[in-house]
């Protein structure tokens, strides 16, 4: 189910992460909207930081067709989790 508040939190932190520095390289502001939407639909306030990091890794691995490591997303997951409280 889509929750706009969760999407807004996720998008903020996923954009800040700027995977592959795409935004810094001139990609449009909506570059990560699909990923942010997928992540926001898969998490909830009770998700652990590790669960959020795993979901982020899964989404980026699927959408960028390249291995994504959970540890690379722990800080972003923590930031998301703290705002979901």
Protein backbone atom coordinates (compact mmCIF):
# COMPACT_ATOMS: atom_id res chain seq x y z
CA UNK A 1 0.00 0.00 0.00
CA UNK A 2 1.27 3.47 -0.88
CA UNK A 3 1.92 5.86 2.00
CA UNK A 4 2.96 9.31 0.79
CA UNK A 5 4.60 10.24 4.12
CA UNK A 6 6.80 7.13 4.03
CA UNK A 7 7.64 7.77 0.37
CA UNK A 8 8.70 11.34 1.18
CA UNK A 9 11.05 10.13 3.93
CA UNK A 10 12.50 7.37 1.76
CA UNK A 11 12.94 9.64 -1.27
CA UNK A 12 14.78 12.24 0.80
CA UNK A 13 17.31 9.71 2.05
CA UNK A 14 17.65 7.76 -1.19
CA UNK A 15 18.26 11.01 -3.07
CA UNK A 16 20.83 11.99 -0.42
CA UNK A 17 22.53 8.61 -0.92
CA UNK A 18 22.72 9.43 -4.66
CA UNK A 19 23.61 5.92 -5.82
CA UNK A 20 26.36 6.07 -8.44
CA UNK A 21 26.36 9.89 -8.03
CA UNK A 22 23.69 10.10 -10.71
CA UNK A 23 22.04 13.22 -9.30
CA UNK A 24 25.41 14.93 -8.87
CA UNK A 25 26.12 14.02 -12.48
CA UNK A 26 23.05 15.83 -13.76
CA UNK A 27 20.34 13.17 -13.66
CA UNK A 28 16.79 14.51 -13.22
CA UNK A 29 15.43 15.02 -9.69
CA UNK A 30 13.08 12.05 -10.14
CA UNK A 31 15.95 9.65 -10.95
CA UNK A 32 15.35 7.50 -7.86
CA UNK A 33 11.57 7.87 -7.57
CA UNK A 34 10.88 4.32 -8.78
CA UNK A 35 13.35 2.87 -6.28
CA UNK A 36 12.02 5.09 -3.50
CA UNK A 37 8.47 3.97 -4.27
CA UNK A 38 9.41 0.29 -4.22
CA UNK A 39 11.27 0.70 -0.94
CA UNK A 40 8.50 2.73 0.69
CA UNK A 41 5.92 0.08 -0.23
CA UNK A 42 8.06 -2.67 1.34
CA UNK A 43 8.88 -1.07 4.69
CA UNK A 44 6.86 0.05 7.69
CA UNK A 45 7.47 1.69 11.07
CA UNK A 46 8.21 -1.70 12.65
CA UNK A 47 10.90 -2.61 10.09
CA UNK A 48 14.35 -2.92 11.62
CA UNK A 49 17.32 -0.98 10.30
CA UNK A 50 18.72 -4.22 8.90
CA UNK A 51 15.43 -5.07 7.18
CA UNK A 52 15.30 -1.62 5.60
CA UNK A 53 18.93 -1.92 4.43
CA UNK A 54 18.18 -5.36 2.95
CA UNK A 55 15.18 -3.99 1.07
CA UNK A 56 17.20 -1.05 -0.26
CA UNK A 57 19.94 -3.45 -1.42
CA UNK A 58 17.40 -5.74 -3.11
CA UNK A 59 15.74 -2.86 -4.94
CA UNK A 60 19.01 -1.35 -6.17
CA UNK A 61 20.39 -4.75 -7.15
CA UNK A 62 17.27 -5.49 -9.19
CA UNK A 63 16.98 -2.05 -10.79
CA UNK A 64 20.68 -1.54 -11.54
CA UNK A 65 21.42 -5.21 -12.36
CA UNK A 66 24.53 -5.19 -10.20
CA UNK A 67 25.37 -6.60 -6.79
CA UNK A 68 24.38 -4.24 -3.98
CA UNK A 69 25.68 -4.92 -0.48
CA UNK A 70 23.52 -4.46 2.60
CA UNK A 71 26.34 -2.84 4.57
CA UNK A 72 26.48 -0.05 2.00
CA UNK A 73 22.96 0.98 2.94
CA UNK A 74 23.03 0.74 6.74
CA UNK A 75 23.41 4.48 7.37
CA UNK A 76 20.65 5.33 4.90
CA UNK A 77 18.43 2.68 6.51
CA UNK A 78 19.16 4.11 9.96
CA UNK A 79 18.26 7.61 8.77
CA UNK A 80 15.00 6.34 7.30
CA UNK A 81 14.18 4.32 10.41
CA UNK A 82 14.72 7.29 12.70
CA UNK A 83 12.26 9.39 10.70
CA UNK A 84 9.66 6.61 10.58
CA UNK A 85 9.32 6.63 14.38
